[in-house]
């Protein structure tokens, strides 16, 4: 049975939890320092040595140093230095707050939670830090490039009740998208397919097999060759809405992955993906109250395509 990680001995720093790694059950290293040099390939060995000298890497019994013998299956914690992270120049707007929930309008380009090169520049870390909510956690997630309604739970005691709403598909979600208008495309319609996203591969694919993704698509209005679409997903596969509109021949404006992958530099915030999480509606699992949260953001390509 896999051993459950103990709680981190390091408190969050500026809203960021300490990184945790576990040493392998065996290996050729004499010291933990030797293992870390092999494991943390993105850090210069001199940086690791400096962290060890400062006591910045800790185990369950406290800080380790360069002479600490290698211990199999040991947990270690340390804080990453993310000084090279590109700031996202857009703000989060609070839509609703009570003793349990914090609901915000997330801007384009801001990730929901830390992952890869995005740590401090994430909605979770910003809110933990600026609102002094160290136990804040997301009830669900939005893609980094998607803007709109994002809900967080303030305490660990209530987290599962709201996360289970999304797991059990008890939340009504509506999105808006701006994409080309195709007069030949019969709408509304429900798009069904099997979507598979492999780890380490940027794009998801539609493959033969049992349906696991379903989206209702309708046209709200159109002008000048563009359509404004309402998307109501019944499932939540990775990139589902982007894949389904692309499969209809109307890829969402600003999508760097569909129909073709194009590289976007980390600091390029032009032409955001024109996809907005517009509505979240559900029955509160604790109080029974009916909630409906709606984004106040607008998709810029619809309001002024030349300025987008």
Protein backbone atom coordinates (compact mmCIF):
# COMPACT_ATOMS: atom_id res chain seq x y z
CA UNK A 1 0.00 0.00 0.00
CA UNK A 2 1.31 3.43 -0.95
CA UNK A 3 2.34 5.47 2.05
CA UNK A 4 0.31 8.63 2.60
CA UNK A 5 2.48 11.78 2.60
CA UNK A 6 2.77 13.48 5.99
CA UNK A 7 1.78 17.15 6.24
CA UNK A 8 4.36 19.63 5.02
CA UNK A 9 6.61 21.01 7.78
CA UNK A 10 7.01 24.18 5.70
CA UNK A 11 4.17 26.71 5.72
CA UNK A 12 2.97 28.26 2.44
CA UNK A 13 5.04 31.17 1.21
CA UNK A 14 3.11 34.00 -0.47
CA UNK A 15 0.24 31.57 -0.95
CA UNK A 16 2.42 28.86 -2.52
CA UNK A 17 2.67 25.43 -0.89
CA UNK A 18 6.11 23.90 -0.60
CA UNK A 19 7.09 21.47 -3.33
CA UNK A 20 7.23 17.85 -2.18
CA UNK A 21 9.30 15.00 -3.57
CA UNK A 22 9.87 11.44 -2.40
CA UNK A 23 13.12 9.58 -2.75
CA UNK A 24 13.00 6.19 -4.53
CA UNK A 25 12.99 2.93 -2.54
CA UNK A 26 16.60 2.28 -3.52
CA UNK A 27 19.41 3.83 -5.52
CA UNK A 28 23.16 4.31 -5.92
CA UNK A 29 23.41 7.67 -4.09
CA UNK A 30 25.48 8.10 -0.93
CA UNK A 31 23.73 11.31 0.13
CA UNK A 32 20.38 12.96 -0.42
CA UNK A 33 22.33 15.80 -2.02
CA UNK A 34 23.56 13.41 -4.72
CA UNK A 35 20.00 12.27 -5.38
CA UNK A 36 18.68 15.84 -5.59
CA UNK A 37 21.33 16.80 -8.16
CA UNK A 38 20.16 13.86 -10.29
CA UNK A 39 16.46 14.54 -9.69
CA UNK A 40 16.25 18.33 -9.95
CA UNK A 41 17.88 18.71 -13.36
CA UNK A 42 16.49 22.22 -13.88
CA UNK A 43 18.41 23.49 -10.85
CA UNK A 44 22.13 24.14 -11.01
CA UNK A 45 23.98 21.97 -8.44
CA UNK A 46 25.33 25.18 -6.89
CA UNK A 47 21.75 26.31 -6.23
CA UNK A 48 20.97 22.98 -4.54
CA UNK A 49 24.12 23.32 -2.43
CA UNK A 50 23.09 26.83 -1.39
CA UNK A 51 19.60 25.63 -0.43
CA UNK A 52 21.08 22.83 1.65
CA UNK A 53 23.47 25.23 3.37
CA UNK A 54 20.55 27.51 4.23
CA UNK A 55 18.43 24.67 5.60
CA UNK A 56 15.86 25.35 2.89
CA UNK A 57 15.27 21.65 2.12
CA UNK A 58 13.62 19.76 4.95
CA UNK A 59 12.56 16.23 5.77
CA UNK A 60 10.14 15.00 8.41
CA UNK A 61 12.82 15.49 11.08
CA UNK A 62 13.90 18.96 9.98
CA UNK A 63 16.45 20.50 7.61
CA UNK A 64 18.93 18.30 5.78
CA UNK A 65 22.41 19.26 4.63
CA UNK A 66 24.93 18.13 2.02
CA UNK A 67 26.14 15.26 4.23
CA UNK A 68 22.74 13.76 5.08
CA UNK A 69 22.85 10.10 3.98
CA UNK A 70 20.47 8.95 1.29
CA UNK A 71 17.29 7.56 2.83
CA UNK A 72 14.93 5.46 0.72
CA UNK A 73 11.26 6.47 0.37
CA UNK A 74 11.80 9.70 2.32
CA UNK A 75 9.67 12.80 1.87
CA UNK A 76 11.39 16.15 1.27
CA UNK A 77 9.98 19.67 0.98
CA UNK A 78 11.33 22.98 -0.33
CA UNK A 79 10.05 26.23 -1.80
CA UNK A 80 10.70 26.89 -5.47
CA UNK A 81 12.19 30.18 -6.56
CA UNK A 82 9.87 31.43 -9.30
CA UNK A 83 11.48 34.81 -9.87
CA UNK A 84 11.59 34.12 -13.60
CA UNK A 85 7.81 33.70 -13.88
CA UNK A 86 6.15 36.05 -16.38
CA UNK A 87 3.53 38.23 -14.62
CA UNK A 88 0.00 37.98 -16.01
CA UNK A 89 -1.19 41.63 -16.29
CA UNK A 90 -4.88 40.98 -15.63
CA UNK A 91 -6.86 41.02 -12.40
CA UNK A 92 -9.29 38.63 -10.76
CA UNK A 93 -12.72 40.11 -9.96
CA UNK A 94 -14.79 38.77 -7.07
CA UNK A 95 -18.36 37.86 -8.07
CA UNK A 96 -19.48 36.34 -4.76
CA UNK A 97 -18.08 35.67 -1.31
CA UNK A 98 -19.51 34.13 1.83
CA UNK A 99 -18.14 32.11 4.75
CA UNK A 100 -17.59 29.05 2.56
CA UNK A 101 -17.30 30.10 -1.10
CA UNK A 102 -15.25 32.58 -3.12
CA UNK A 103 -16.35 32.97 -6.74
CA UNK A 104 -14.29 35.04 -9.16
CA UNK A 105 -14.04 36.08 -12.79
CA UNK A 106 -10.74 34.60 -13.96
CA UNK A 107 -9.00 36.45 -16.80
CA UNK A 108 -7.48 34.80 -19.84
CA UNK A 109 -3.88 33.53 -19.45
CA UNK A 110 -4.09 32.95 -15.67
CA UNK A 111 -3.89 29.28 -14.68
CA UNK A 112 -6.25 27.98 -11.99
CA UNK A 113 -3.64 26.14 -9.92
CA UNK A 114 0.16 25.79 -9.94
CA UNK A 115 1.50 23.57 -12.67
CA UNK A 116 4.74 23.53 -14.64
CA UNK A 117 6.07 27.06 -15.07
CA UNK A 118 2.94 28.69 -13.60
CA UNK A 119 3.07 28.90 -9.80
CA UNK A 120 2.63 32.37 -8.33
CA UNK A 121 0.86 33.56 -11.47
CA UNK A 122 -2.19 31.39 -10.80
CA UNK A 123 -5.65 32.21 -9.51
CA UNK A 124 -5.27 29.98 -6.44
CA UNK A 125 -1.97 31.44 -5.28
CA UNK A 126 -3.02 35.03 -5.93
CA UNK A 127 -6.19 34.60 -3.89
CA UNK A 128 -4.51 32.74 -1.04
CA UNK A 129 -1.93 35.51 -0.77
CA UNK A 130 -4.01 38.65 -1.32
CA UNK A 131 -7.02 37.53 0.73
CA UNK A 132 -5.10 35.64 3.44
CA UNK A 133 -6.89 32.35 2.78
CA UNK A 134 -4.21 29.64 3.18
CA UNK A 135 -6.71 26.75 2.99
CA UNK A 136 -8.43 27.98 -0.17
CA UNK A 137 -8.89 25.29 -2.84
CA UNK A 138 -10.62 25.16 -6.23
CA UNK A 139 -13.98 23.42 -6.53
CA UNK A 140 -13.20 22.89 -10.23
CA UNK A 141 -10.74 24.17 -12.84
CA UNK A 142 -10.64 26.24 -15.99
CA UNK A 143 -7.96 26.04 -18.67
CA UNK A 144 -5.33 28.76 -18.40
CA UNK A 145 -6.51 30.30 -21.68
CA UNK A 146 -10.23 30.24 -20.77
CA UNK A 147 -11.72 33.18 -18.87
CA UNK A 148 -14.79 33.29 -16.67
CA UNK A 149 -16.52 32.01 -13.56
CA UNK A 150 -14.27 30.04 -11.22
CA UNK A 151 -15.31 28.83 -7.77
CA UNK A 152 -13.14 28.21 -4.72
CA UNK A 153 -13.87 26.70 -1.30
CA UNK A 154 -12.38 28.45 1.71
CA UNK A 155 -11.98 25.54 4.13
CA UNK A 156 -10.82 21.95 3.81
CA UNK A 157 -13.87 20.75 5.76
CA UNK A 158 -16.24 21.86 2.97
CA UNK A 159 -14.02 21.10 -0.03
CA UNK A 160 -15.33 17.66 -0.97
CA UNK A 161 -19.00 18.69 -0.82
CA UNK A 162 -18.49 21.21 -3.64
CA UNK A 163 -15.93 19.25 -5.63
CA UNK A 164 -18.35 16.32 -5.66
CA UNK A 165 -20.97 18.52 -7.33
CA UNK A 166 -18.69 18.81 -10.35
CA UNK A 167 -17.65 15.16 -10.19
CA UNK A 168 -21.29 14.06 -10.17
CA UNK A 169 -22.29 16.53 -12.92
CA UNK A 170 -24.72 18.41 -10.71
CA UNK A 171 -23.52 21.84 -11.85
CA UNK A 172 -25.08 23.56 -14.86
CA UNK A 173 -22.32 25.20 -16.91
CA UNK A 174 -22.67 27.54 -19.86
CA UNK A 175 -19.87 28.92 -22.00
CA UNK A 176 -19.69 31.51 -24.75
CA UNK A 177 -17.34 31.33 -27.70
CA UNK A 178 -16.55 33.45 -30.75
CA UNK A 179 -15.83 31.43 -33.87
CA UNK A 180 -16.42 31.66 -37.63
CA UNK A 181 -20.02 31.66 -38.77
CA UNK A 182 -20.98 28.85 -41.14
CA UNK A 183 -24.44 29.24 -42.70
CA UNK A 184 -24.35 25.60 -43.81
CA UNK A 185 -23.93 24.36 -40.24
CA UNK A 186 -27.28 23.28 -38.78
CA UNK A 187 -27.62 24.49 -35.19
CA UNK A 188 -28.52 23.89 -32.44
CA UNK A 189 -27.08 20.41 -32.17
CA UNK A 190 -25.46 18.11 -29.66
CA UNK A 191 -21.95 17.01 -30.53
CA UNK A 192 -20.91 13.59 -29.23
CA UNK A 193 -17.54 11.91 -29.57
CA UNK A 194 -14.78 10.08 -27.78
CA UNK A 195 -12.00 12.48 -26.71
CA UNK A 196 -8.63 11.17 -25.55
CA UNK A 197 -5.87 13.38 -24.14
CA UNK A 198 -2.52 11.69 -23.56
CA UNK A 199 -0.18 12.96 -20.88
CA UNK A 200 2.63 15.01 -22.38
CA UNK A 201 0.78 15.63 -25.65
CA UNK A 202 -0.51 19.18 -26.17
CA UNK A 203 -3.69 18.35 -28.05
CA UNK A 204 -6.59 16.01 -27.45
CA UNK A 205 -7.92 13.74 -30.19
CA UNK A 206 -11.29 12.34 -31.19
CA UNK A 207 -11.01 8.59 -31.59
CA UNK A 208 -13.38 5.73 -32.39
CA UNK A 209 -15.03 4.12 -29.40
CA UNK A 210 -17.63 4.76 -26.72
CA UNK A 211 -18.76 8.39 -26.40
CA UNK A 212 -17.24 10.17 -23.39
CA UNK A 213 -17.79 13.82 -24.41
CA UNK A 214 -21.05 15.60 -25.15
CA UNK A 215 -21.64 19.32 -25.86
CA UNK A 216 -24.81 21.19 -26.81
CA UNK A 217 -23.96 23.96 -29.31
CA UNK A 218 -26.26 26.79 -30.35
CA UNK A 219 -25.79 30.01 -32.28
CA UNK A 220 -26.76 33.14 -30.32
CA UNK A 221 -26.15 35.62 -33.13
CA UNK A 222 -23.84 36.29 -36.06
CA UNK A 223 -22.41 39.20 -38.02
CA UNK A 224 -19.48 39.95 -40.33
CA UNK A 225 -18.58 36.30 -40.73
CA UNK A 226 -18.37 35.61 -36.99
CA UNK A 227 -20.75 33.76 -34.70
CA UNK A 228 -21.37 34.06 -30.99
CA UNK A 229 -22.10 30.60 -29.65
CA UNK A 230 -23.56 29.20 -26.42
CA UNK A 231 -21.95 25.93 -25.37
CA UNK A 232 -23.44 23.69 -22.68
CA UNK A 233 -21.18 20.73 -21.86
CA UNK A 234 -22.69 17.62 -20.35
CA UNK A 235 -19.25 16.17 -19.69
CA UNK A 236 -15.88 17.69 -18.83
CA UNK A 237 -13.13 16.20 -20.95
CA UNK A 238 -9.89 18.12 -21.40
CA UNK A 239 -10.25 20.70 -24.23
CA UNK A 240 -13.74 19.36 -24.94
CA UNK A 241 -15.31 22.59 -26.17
CA UNK A 242 -12.31 23.51 -28.27
CA UNK A 243 -12.18 20.05 -29.85
CA UNK A 244 -15.91 19.94 -30.58
CA UNK A 245 -16.09 23.35 -32.25
CA UNK A 246 -13.01 22.52 -34.27
CA UNK A 247 -14.64 19.26 -35.39
CA UNK A 248 -17.64 21.31 -36.62
CA UNK A 249 -15.29 23.38 -38.79
CA UNK A 250 -15.60 26.49 -36.61
CA UNK A 251 -12.46 26.58 -34.40
CA UNK A 252 -12.59 29.12 -31.59
CA UNK A 253 -10.75 32.37 -32.35
CA UNK A 254 -7.35 32.65 -30.72
CA UNK A 255 -6.93 28.92 -30.13
CA UNK A 256 -3.19 28.07 -30.29
CA UNK A 257 -3.85 24.31 -30.48
CA UNK A 258 -6.82 23.72 -32.78
CA UNK A 259 -6.86 23.23 -35.71
CA UNK A 260 -3.05 23.60 -35.71
CA UNK A 261 -0.51 23.97 -32.94
CA UNK A 262 1.26 27.32 -32.97
CA UNK A 263 3.86 28.53 -30.52
CA UNK A 264 2.95 31.51 -28.33
CA UNK A 265 5.76 33.14 -26.29
CA UNK A 266 5.10 33.20 -22.50
CA UNK A 267 4.74 36.99 -22.40
CA UNK A 268 2.47 37.32 -25.44
CA UNK A 269 -0.99 38.25 -24.13
CA UNK A 270 -2.41 39.33 -27.48
CA UNK A 271 -5.39 37.62 -29.10
CA UNK A 272 -6.70 35.62 -26.13
CA UNK A 273 -8.73 32.49 -26.74
CA UNK A 274 -12.31 33.63 -27.27
CA UNK A 275 -13.86 31.21 -24.80
CA UNK A 276 -15.68 32.35 -21.66
CA UNK A 277 -17.10 30.31 -18.79
CA UNK A 278 -20.30 32.34 -18.57
CA UNK A 279 -22.54 30.63 -16.00
CA UNK A 280 -22.31 28.26 -13.03
CA UNK A 281 -25.60 27.19 -11.43
CA UNK A 282 -26.22 24.55 -8.76
CA UNK A 283 -28.04 23.69 -5.55
CA UNK A 284 -25.83 24.35 -2.55
CA UNK A 285 -25.00 20.99 -0.92
CA UNK A 286 -24.82 22.56 2.55
CA UNK A 287 -27.73 25.01 2.61
CA UNK A 288 -30.01 23.88 -0.22
CA UNK A 289 -29.93 27.41 -1.69
CA UNK A 290 -30.03 27.86 -5.46
CA UNK A 291 -26.90 29.57 -6.80
CA UNK A 292 -26.34 31.13 -10.20
CA UNK A 293 -23.09 32.95 -10.86
CA UNK A 294 -22.58 34.79 -14.15
CA UNK A 295 -19.41 36.28 -15.59
CA UNK A 296 -19.28 40.02 -16.19
CA UNK A 297 -16.49 39.61 -18.75
CA UNK A 298 -17.02 39.99 -22.48
CA UNK A 299 -15.22 38.43 -25.40
CA UNK A 300 -13.28 41.17 -27.13
CA UNK A 301 -13.37 39.74 -30.65
CA UNK A 302 -17.14 40.14 -30.69
CA UNK A 303 -17.20 43.71 -29.40
CA UNK A 304 -14.38 44.88 -31.68
CA UNK A 305 -12.72 42.31 -33.88
CA UNK A 306 -10.10 44.74 -35.28
CA UNK A 307 -8.95 45.57 -31.72
CA UNK A 308 -8.82 41.96 -30.56
